[in-house]
Amino acid sequence: MFNTSKKRLTIAYTLLYFLLFSAFAALLYGSLYYVMTQQQKDELETFYNAQEHDFFTYLQLPESYLTYDPNRHYFYYIYDKDGIFIHGDESVKGLQAELYQQFMKIPINEEKFLRTTWDEEHFLTLQKPIIDKEKVVGYLLVGQTTTAQTNFFTTMGYVFVALSLLSTLLIASVSYYLATKAMSPLAMAFTKQKRFVSDASHELRTPLSIFYSSLDILALEATTLSPFGHQLIDELKEEATFMEQLLQQLLLLAKLDQTEHTPYFERMNFSLLAKATANKFEHRMPTNITFSTAIAPHLYVKGDEVRLRELLYILLDNALTYTSAGHIRFSVMSQHLALIICIEDSGVGIADDERDAIFDRFYRTNHTAQKAGNGLGLAIAQAIVKQHQGTITVTSTLHQGSIFTVTLPKILDEYKE
């Protein structure tokens, strides 16, 4: 139980840290990228404003021509109002033709920034109409190389991912250590509690047996007692019987809680056990309850027959106790490599806010508190299921009934019985 809690705490802390660190890294990365992009856009706008007069002059040239200078920081291409190339200065050969293909896909009267990747180089371009006397007289593509900045942010992204993974592993180790330290006092207290329950149950059995025997002797010899006195003796016997059952269940829980020793499990035909248990309960069913079974043959598990019989008794007795009329259905079936036990009743049901607590020890729901019992049955059932590496779940609707489902690992039958 505490190992599971430690794992859950470790996972929760690690996941929380990972999410926070990832959010911080993403925010930092996005902020830096946004600042860099805005700076690049401002630079292109500044370059356009500085060269705007020259662009008007280039539009008057009788012939188009393109110059090349690999050392240029900015490049530009000028087109007339019909989209025909007029003049340009570029820093990467062949880039004009590539950008022109993208230029033709965008409405040429719009001002737009565009990122382009070509020949393993990265560029940021500004498409802008050239306006004279409120008329579009040409178009301009002005841009700059952003390969260095793009590579920097790509590397930074890898660094953030690596840091996130490494720091998450470190936090996971620290979280597990802290969870272990936090759980140690609880584990020690729980161990002492289990030892106390076990020891107290053992110690109380002897005086309780003596008390019960004394009541029998008193009932035989007390011939002069009034009817009220005999009634008190009978009531004391009932309470002593209840205490004996409670001690037996506490001892069983204490034994199931002991994880130091692996229980001895053997291969057994669960179908035969289920049929025998169902036959015994069928005789106890009142006439106003319909009891039906659907038990598949030759289903085998590896387990403790006594404990598994106790599991079926608890679940079937629960269904019978809390069902005044209607039906109880008991089924055992195979599903892939699992054995599925299902017990459905039309009893009082369980409220949604109480469903998670019914497997707690001594817990009684508001609608079952008036019934006989001590609230240990389902806790024992859950402990038996966990001991057999299975799961137990419940679905229920208040005043309509409940369905308890147990899943156990199934083994293949080597022979038919």
Protein backbone atom coordinates (compact mmCIF):
# COMPACT_ATOMS: atom_id res chain seq x y z
CA MET A 1 0.00 0.00 0.00
CA PHE A 2 2.73 2.47 0.98
CA ASN A 3 4.85 1.53 -2.03
CA THR A 4 1.90 2.40 -4.24
CA SER A 5 1.46 5.71 -2.41
CA LYS A 6 5.16 6.51 -2.84
CA LYS A 7 4.95 5.80 -6.54
CA ARG A 8 1.86 7.96 -6.90
CA LEU A 9 3.45 10.84 -5.00
CA THR A 10 6.62 10.55 -7.08
CA ILE A 11 4.65 10.51 -10.32
CA ALA A 12 2.50 13.44 -9.20
CA TYR A 13 5.48 15.60 -8.16
CA THR A 14 7.47 14.69 -11.26
CA LEU A 15 4.56 15.34 -13.60
CA LEU A 16 3.82 18.68 -11.90
CA TYR A 17 7.46 19.76 -12.22
CA PHE A 18 7.62 18.61 -15.85
CA LEU A 19 4.50 20.58 -16.73
CA LEU A 20 5.72 23.71 -14.94
CA PHE A 21 9.20 23.51 -16.45
CA SER A 22 7.78 22.80 -19.91
CA ALA A 23 5.41 25.74 -19.61
CA PHE A 24 8.26 28.02 -18.47
CA ALA A 25 10.55 26.81 -21.27
CA ALA A 26 7.81 27.22 -23.87
CA LEU A 27 7.01 30.72 -22.58
CA LEU A 28 10.68 31.72 -22.61
CA TYR A 29 11.24 30.23 -26.05
CA GLY A 30 8.12 31.88 -27.46
CA SER A 31 8.98 35.25 -25.93
CA LEU A 32 12.51 35.25 -27.31
CA TYR A 33 11.29 34.10 -30.71
CA TYR A 34 8.63 36.80 -30.76
CA VAL A 35 11.13 39.52 -29.77
CA MET A 36 13.58 38.36 -32.45
CA THR A 37 10.88 38.23 -35.12
CA GLN A 38 9.60 41.68 -34.25
CA GLN A 39 13.13 43.06 -34.38
CA GLN A 40 13.67 41.53 -37.82
CA LYS A 41 10.38 42.94 -39.07
CA ASP A 42 11.27 46.39 -37.73
CA GLU A 43 14.62 46.19 -39.51
CA LEU A 44 12.93 45.36 -42.83
CA GLU A 45 10.47 48.23 -42.36
CA THR A 46 13.36 50.59 -41.58
CA PHE A 47 15.26 49.43 -44.66
CA TYR A 48 12.18 49.98 -46.83
CA ASN A 49 11.61 53.48 -45.49
CA ALA A 50 15.27 54.36 -46.08
CA GLN A 51 15.28 53.07 -49.65
CA GLU A 52 11.74 54.01 -50.65
CA HIS A 53 12.86 56.91 -52.90
CA ASP A 54 15.35 54.66 -54.75
CA PHE A 55 12.58 52.12 -55.39
CA PHE A 56 10.59 54.76 -57.28
CA THR A 57 13.69 55.51 -59.34
CA TYR A 58 14.28 51.85 -60.20
CA LEU A 59 10.71 51.58 -61.49
CA GLN A 60 11.65 54.07 -64.25
CA LEU A 61 14.51 51.94 -65.59
CA PRO A 62 14.06 50.93 -69.24
CA GLU A 63 15.48 47.41 -68.67
CA SER A 64 15.42 44.99 -65.81
CA TYR A 65 18.59 43.75 -64.22
CA LEU A 66 19.62 41.83 -61.11
CA THR A 67 22.83 42.31 -59.12
CA TYR A 68 24.45 39.76 -56.82
CA ASP A 69 26.47 40.42 -53.68
CA PRO A 70 26.88 37.58 -51.15
CA ASN A 71 27.92 40.05 -48.47
CA ARG A 72 24.69 42.01 -48.53
CA HIS A 73 22.67 41.98 -45.31
CA TYR A 74 19.40 42.82 -47.08
CA PHE A 75 18.12 41.80 -50.50
CA TYR A 76 15.17 43.17 -52.50
CA TYR A 77 13.28 42.63 -55.74
CA ILE A 78 11.11 45.27 -57.46
CA TYR A 79 8.16 44.46 -59.74
CA ASP A 80 5.92 46.77 -61.73
CA LYS A 81 2.20 46.97 -61.22
CA ASP A 82 1.70 43.98 -63.54
CA GLY A 83 4.07 41.79 -61.52
CA ILE A 84 6.96 41.97 -64.03
CA PHE A 85 10.45 41.96 -62.49
CA ILE A 86 12.29 45.33 -62.86
CA HIS A 87 15.29 45.40 -60.59
CA GLY A 88 16.82 43.61 -57.63
CA ASP A 89 19.88 43.13 -55.43
CA GLU A 90 20.23 39.62 -54.00
CA SER A 91 22.64 37.87 -51.67
CA VAL A 92 21.78 34.27 -52.65
CA LYS A 93 21.82 33.25 -56.30
CA GLY A 94 18.55 31.85 -57.62
CA LEU A 95 16.49 33.13 -54.70
CA GLN A 96 14.51 35.57 -56.87
CA ALA A 97 12.84 32.80 -58.87
CA GLU A 98 11.90 30.89 -55.71
CA LEU A 99 10.42 33.91 -53.99
CA TYR A 100 8.56 34.92 -57.15
CA GLN A 101 6.63 31.62 -57.06
CA GLN A 102 5.46 32.41 -53.54
CA PHE A 103 4.93 36.07 -54.41
CA MET A 104 2.41 35.11 -57.10
CA LYS A 105 0.36 33.06 -54.60
CA ILE A 106 -0.36 36.06 -52.38
CA PRO A 107 -2.59 39.02 -53.34
CA ILE A 108 0.04 41.49 -54.55
CA ASN A 109 -1.73 44.54 -53.18
CA GLU A 110 -1.34 43.27 -49.59
CA GLU A 111 1.48 44.01 -47.17
CA LYS A 112 2.66 40.72 -45.73
CA PHE A 113 5.64 39.14 -43.95
CA LEU A 114 6.66 35.69 -45.16
CA ARG A 115 9.17 33.12 -43.88
CA THR A 116 10.88 31.01 -46.54
CA THR A 117 13.28 28.08 -46.50
CA TRP A 118 15.31 27.37 -49.63
CA ASP A 119 18.52 25.45 -50.25
CA GLU A 120 18.99 24.93 -46.48
CA GLU A 121 18.84 28.67 -45.90
CA HIS A 122 16.15 30.58 -44.00
CA PHE A 123 14.77 33.99 -44.98
CA LEU A 124 12.27 36.57 -43.72
CA THR A 125 10.70 38.70 -46.47
CA LEU A 126 8.34 41.64 -46.56
CA GLN A 127 5.94 41.98 -49.47
CA LYS A 128 4.83 45.59 -49.84
CA PRO A 129 3.06 47.58 -52.59
CA ILE A 130 4.82 50.76 -53.85
CA ILE A 131 2.24 53.55 -53.84
CA ASP A 132 2.53 56.89 -55.64
CA LYS A 133 -0.30 59.44 -55.40
CA GLU A 134 -2.60 56.84 -53.83
CA LYS A 135 -2.02 54.45 -56.76
CA VAL A 136 -0.12 51.16 -56.76
CA VAL A 137 2.77 51.64 -59.19
CA GLY A 138 4.78 48.58 -58.26
CA TYR A 139 5.53 45.90 -55.74
CA LEU A 140 8.51 45.08 -53.59
CA LEU A 141 9.97 42.02 -51.91
CA VAL A 142 12.60 42.96 -49.34
CA GLY A 143 14.20 40.44 -47.00
CA GLN A 144 17.16 39.21 -45.03
CA THR A 145 18.83 35.93 -44.20
CA THR A 146 17.76 34.46 -40.82
CA THR A 147 19.64 31.15 -40.98
CA ALA A 148 21.86 31.93 -37.98
CA GLN A 149 18.93 32.97 -35.80
CA THR A 150 16.85 29.97 -36.89
CA ASN A 151 19.71 27.57 -36.12
CA PHE A 152 20.15 29.24 -32.74
CA PHE A 153 16.51 28.73 -31.80
CA THR A 154 16.58 25.13 -33.08
CA THR A 155 19.60 24.41 -30.89
CA MET A 156 17.95 26.19 -27.97
CA GLY A 157 14.87 24.00 -28.43
CA TYR A 158 17.00 20.85 -28.23
CA VAL A 159 18.76 22.22 -25.15
CA PHE A 160 15.40 22.91 -23.47
CA VAL A 161 14.20 19.38 -24.23
CA ALA A 162 17.41 17.86 -22.88
CA LEU A 163 17.29 20.03 -19.76
CA SER A 164 13.65 19.15 -19.26
CA LEU A 165 14.34 15.41 -19.43
CA LEU A 166 17.45 15.51 -17.24
CA SER A 167 15.89 17.77 -14.62
CA THR A 168 12.73 15.63 -14.63
CA LEU A 169 14.80 12.52 -13.90
CA LEU A 170 16.57 14.38 -11.11
CA ILE A 171 13.29 15.62 -9.65
CA ALA A 172 11.86 12.10 -9.89
CA SER A 173 14.76 10.77 -7.81
CA VAL A 174 14.43 13.57 -5.26
CA SER A 175 10.64 13.15 -5.15
CA TYR A 176 10.94 9.41 -4.51
CA TYR A 177 13.43 10.07 -1.72
CA LEU A 178 11.19 12.70 -0.12
CA ALA A 179 8.10 10.50 -0.53
CA THR A 180 9.97 7.67 1.18
CA LYS A 181 10.94 9.93 4.06
CA ALA A 182 7.38 11.24 4.34
CA MET A 183 5.87 7.76 4.27
CA SER A 184 8.25 6.21 6.81
CA PRO A 185 6.41 7.48 9.92
CA LEU A 186 3.07 6.51 8.41
CA ALA A 187 4.32 3.05 7.48
CA MET A 188 5.70 2.56 10.98
CA ALA A 189 2.45 3.70 12.59
CA PHE A 190 0.42 1.46 10.27
CA THR A 191 2.65 -1.52 11.08
CA LYS A 192 2.17 -0.90 14.78
CA GLN A 193 -1.57 -0.60 14.25
CA LYS A 194 -1.72 -3.91 12.38
CA ARG A 195 0.36 -5.60 15.07
CA PHE A 196 -1.90 -4.18 17.76
CA VAL A 197 -5.06 -5.39 15.98
CA SER A 198 -3.57 -8.84 15.51
CA ASP A 199 -2.29 -9.12 19.08
CA ALA A 200 -5.47 -7.68 20.59
CA SER A 201 -7.63 -10.05 18.57
CA HIS A 202 -5.60 -13.03 19.74
CA GLU A 203 -5.66 -11.89 23.36
CA LEU A 204 -9.41 -11.22 23.35
CA ARG A 205 -10.36 -14.64 21.98
CA THR A 206 -9.56 -16.45 25.23
CA PRO A 207 -11.57 -14.25 27.64
CA LEU A 208 -14.38 -14.09 25.11
CA SER A 209 -14.52 -17.88 24.91
CA ILE A 210 -14.57 -18.09 28.72
CA PHE A 211 -17.31 -15.46 28.84
CA TYR A 212 -19.42 -17.37 26.29
CA SER A 213 -18.93 -20.68 28.16
CA SER A 214 -19.85 -18.99 31.43
CA LEU A 215 -23.10 -17.79 29.87
CA ASP A 216 -23.92 -21.37 28.82
CA ILE A 217 -23.29 -22.63 32.35
CA LEU A 218 -25.29 -19.78 33.84
CA ALA A 219 -28.21 -20.53 31.52
CA LEU A 220 -28.22 -24.19 32.58
CA GLU A 221 -28.03 -23.55 36.33
CA ALA A 222 -30.14 -20.39 36.60
CA THR A 223 -33.49 -22.15 37.05
CA THR A 224 -34.77 -19.41 39.31
CA LEU A 225 -34.14 -16.58 36.86
CA SER A 226 -37.08 -14.65 35.54
CA PRO A 227 -37.93 -14.64 31.81
CA PHE A 228 -36.26 -11.23 31.62
CA GLY A 229 -33.05 -12.72 33.06
CA HIS A 230 -33.07 -15.50 30.47
CA GLN A 231 -33.64 -12.87 27.76
CA LEU A 232 -30.58 -10.98 28.98
CA ILE A 233 -28.50 -14.16 28.81
CA ASP A 234 -29.64 -14.79 25.23
CA GLU A 235 -28.81 -11.21 24.24
CA LEU A 236 -25.36 -11.51 25.82
CA LYS A 237 -24.81 -14.72 23.83
CA GLU A 238 -25.73 -12.89 20.61
CA GLU A 239 -23.30 -10.09 21.42
CA ALA A 240 -20.58 -12.60 22.28
CA THR A 241 -21.18 -14.37 18.95
CA PHE A 242 -20.94 -11.04 17.14
CA MET A 243 -17.69 -10.25 18.96
CA GLU A 244 -16.32 -13.67 18.00
CA GLN A 245 -17.12 -13.04 14.32
CA LEU A 246 -15.53 -9.59 14.53
CA LEU A 247 -12.36 -11.01 16.06
CA GLN A 248 -12.21 -13.70 13.38
CA GLN A 249 -12.49 -11.08 10.65
CA LEU A 250 -9.87 -8.85 12.28
CA LEU A 251 -7.49 -11.80 12.50
CA LEU A 252 -8.15 -12.62 8.85
CA LEU A 253 -7.43 -9.03 7.82
CA ALA A 254 -4.26 -9.01 9.90
CA LYS A 255 -3.15 -12.19 8.17
CA LEU A 256 -3.95 -10.78 4.73
CA ASP A 257 -2.02 -7.61 5.58
CA GLN A 258 1.14 -9.61 6.23
CA THR A 259 3.16 -9.24 3.03
CA GLU A 260 6.41 -10.68 4.40
CA HIS A 261 5.47 -14.20 3.30
CA THR A 262 4.09 -15.14 -0.09
CA PRO A 263 0.94 -17.27 0.36
CA TYR A 264 0.91 -20.76 -1.07
CA PHE A 265 -1.31 -20.91 -4.13
CA GLU A 266 -2.26 -24.03 -6.04
CA ARG A 267 -4.00 -24.70 -9.30
CA MET A 268 -7.74 -25.10 -8.77
CA ASN A 269 -10.95 -25.41 -10.75
CA PHE A 270 -12.74 -22.19 -9.92
CA SER A 271 -15.86 -23.26 -11.82
CA LEU A 272 -16.45 -26.14 -9.39
CA LEU A 273 -15.89 -23.85 -6.39
CA ALA A 274 -18.34 -21.27 -7.78
CA LYS A 275 -21.02 -23.90 -8.49
CA ALA A 276 -20.71 -25.42 -5.01
CA THR A 277 -20.96 -21.98 -3.39
CA ALA A 278 -23.94 -21.02 -5.56
CA ASN A 279 -25.79 -24.24 -4.59
CA LYS A 280 -25.40 -23.44 -0.88
CA PHE A 281 -26.72 -19.91 -1.32
CA GLU A 282 -29.60 -21.05 -3.50
CA HIS A 283 -31.12 -22.83 -0.49
CA ARG A 284 -30.97 -19.61 1.53
CA MET A 285 -32.78 -17.48 -1.02
CA PRO A 286 -36.31 -16.36 -0.02
CA THR A 287 -39.12 -16.89 -2.47
CA ASN A 288 -39.33 -13.22 -3.42
CA ILE A 289 -35.73 -13.19 -4.78
CA THR A 290 -34.85 -14.82 -8.09
CA PHE A 291 -31.37 -16.33 -7.98
CA SER A 292 -29.74 -17.19 -11.31
CA THR A 293 -26.25 -18.38 -12.22
CA ALA A 294 -24.16 -18.51 -15.38
CA ILE A 295 -20.89 -20.27 -14.60
CA ALA A 296 -18.65 -21.30 -17.47
CA PRO A 297 -17.02 -24.74 -16.99
CA HIS A 298 -13.32 -25.56 -16.71
CA LEU A 299 -12.05 -22.17 -15.56
CA TYR A 300 -8.83 -22.48 -13.59
CA VAL A 301 -6.95 -20.07 -11.36
CA LYS A 302 -3.92 -20.27 -9.13
CA GLY A 303 -4.93 -19.36 -5.62
CA ASP A 304 -6.01 -20.24 -2.10
CA GLU A 305 -9.29 -22.16 -2.22
CA VAL A 306 -10.28 -21.19 1.32
CA ARG A 307 -9.74 -17.49 0.66
CA LEU A 308 -11.54 -17.55 -2.70
CA ARG A 309 -14.50 -19.34 -1.12
CA GLU A 310 -14.55 -16.62 1.55
CA LEU A 311 -14.55 -14.00 -1.24
CA LEU A 312 -17.61 -15.53 -2.91
CA TYR A 313 -19.39 -15.90 0.44
CA ILE A 314 -18.82 -12.23 1.28
CA LEU A 315 -20.10 -10.93 -2.06
CA LEU A 316 -23.11 -13.26 -2.28
CA ASP A 317 -24.01 -12.69 1.38
CA ASN A 318 -23.76 -8.94 0.79
CA ALA A 319 -26.14 -9.18 -2.16
CA LEU A 320 -28.59 -11.29 -0.15
CA THR A 321 -28.43 -9.02 2.92
CA TYR A 322 -29.19 -5.82 1.03
CA THR A 323 -31.75 -7.20 -1.44
CA SER A 324 -35.25 -7.48 0.02
CA ALA A 325 -36.89 -8.50 -3.27
CA GLY A 326 -36.01 -8.80 -6.93
CA HIS A 327 -33.07 -10.72 -8.33
CA ILE A 328 -29.48 -11.77 -7.72
CA ARG A 329 -27.39 -12.90 -10.68
CA PHE A 330 -24.08 -14.73 -10.22
CA SER A 331 -21.85 -15.28 -13.26
CA VAL A 332 -18.31 -16.52 -13.85
CA MET A 333 -16.89 -16.20 -17.36
CA SER A 334 -13.63 -16.12 -19.27
CA GLN A 335 -12.29 -13.05 -21.05
CA HIS A 336 -8.92 -13.40 -22.76
CA LEU A 337 -6.47 -14.29 -19.97
CA ALA A 338 -8.77 -13.19 -17.15
CA LEU A 339 -11.55 -14.77 -15.13
CA ILE A 340 -14.50 -12.43 -14.56
CA ILE A 341 -16.78 -12.84 -11.53
CA CYS A 342 -19.95 -10.74 -11.60
CA ILE A 343 -22.57 -10.52 -8.84
CA GLU A 344 -25.55 -8.32 -9.64
CA ASP A 345 -28.44 -7.52 -7.31
CA SER A 346 -31.52 -5.30 -7.25
CA GLY A 347 -30.96 -4.15 -3.68
CA VAL A 348 -30.61 -0.79 -1.95
CA GLY A 349 -27.68 0.35 -4.10
CA ILE A 350 -24.85 2.72 -3.18
CA ALA A 351 -24.79 6.50 -3.46
CA ASP A 352 -22.19 8.04 -5.78
CA ASP A 353 -20.39 9.88 -2.96
CA GLU A 354 -20.04 6.65 -0.94
CA ARG A 355 -18.94 4.26 -3.69
CA ASP A 356 -15.20 4.85 -3.20
CA ALA A 357 -15.40 4.32 0.56
CA ILE A 358 -17.27 1.01 0.77
CA PHE A 359 -14.01 -0.98 0.74
CA ASP A 360 -12.68 0.91 3.77
CA ARG A 361 -12.63 -0.97 7.05
CA PHE A 362 -15.66 -0.52 9.31
CA TYR A 363 -17.36 1.74 6.77
CA ARG A 364 -21.15 1.46 6.61
CA THR A 365 -23.18 3.42 4.08
CA ASN A 366 -26.13 5.54 5.17
CA HIS A 367 -28.55 3.08 3.59
CA THR A 368 -27.00 -0.06 5.11
CA ALA A 369 -26.17 1.09 8.65
CA GLN A 370 -29.39 -0.40 9.98
CA LYS A 371 -28.45 -3.87 8.72
CA ALA A 372 -26.42 -6.37 10.73
CA GLY A 373 -22.68 -6.30 10.11
CA ASN A 374 -19.47 -4.56 11.08
CA GLY A 375 -18.23 -3.08 7.81
CA LEU A 376 -15.30 -5.48 7.37
CA GLY A 377 -16.69 -7.79 4.69
CA LEU A 378 -15.80 -5.77 1.60
CA ALA A 379 -12.43 -4.80 3.09
CA ILE A 380 -11.65 -8.52 3.43
CA ALA A 381 -12.92 -9.17 -0.10
CA GLN A 382 -10.66 -6.47 -1.51
CA ALA A 383 -7.66 -7.81 0.44
CA ILE A 384 -8.29 -11.34 -0.91
CA VAL A 385 -8.57 -10.04 -4.47
CA LYS A 386 -5.34 -8.04 -4.17
CA GLN A 387 -3.60 -11.07 -2.69
CA HIS A 388 -4.56 -12.97 -5.86
CA GLN A 389 -3.29 -10.15 -8.14
CA GLY A 390 -6.83 -9.22 -9.20
CA THR A 391 -9.12 -6.21 -9.14
CA ILE A 392 -12.58 -5.57 -7.70
CA THR A 393 -14.91 -2.78 -8.85
CA VAL A 394 -18.51 -1.79 -8.25
CA THR A 395 -21.14 0.03 -10.27
CA SER A 396 -24.32 0.98 -8.51
CA THR A 397 -27.45 3.08 -8.67
CA LEU A 398 -29.14 4.08 -5.44
CA HIS A 399 -32.39 2.13 -4.77
CA GLN A 400 -31.86 0.09 -7.96
CA GLY A 401 -29.02 -2.28 -7.17
CA SER A 402 -25.29 -2.93 -7.48
CA ILE A 403 -22.91 -4.94 -9.64
CA PHE A 404 -19.66 -6.18 -8.12
CA THR A 405 -17.06 -7.31 -10.65
CA VAL A 406 -13.92 -9.24 -9.75
CA THR A 407 -11.14 -9.92 -12.26
CA LEU A 408 -8.60 -12.66 -11.52
CA PRO A 409 -5.70 -13.97 -13.61
CA LYS A 410 -6.73 -17.16 -15.38
CA ILE A 411 -4.52 -20.14 -16.17
CA LEU A 412 -5.12 -22.51 -19.06
CA ASP A 413 -6.66 -25.87 -18.17
CA GLU A 414 -4.30 -28.72 -18.86
CA TYR A 415 -7.07 -31.25 -18.63
CA LYS A 416 -10.82 -31.32 -18.26
CA GLU A 417 -12.33 -32.34 -14.98
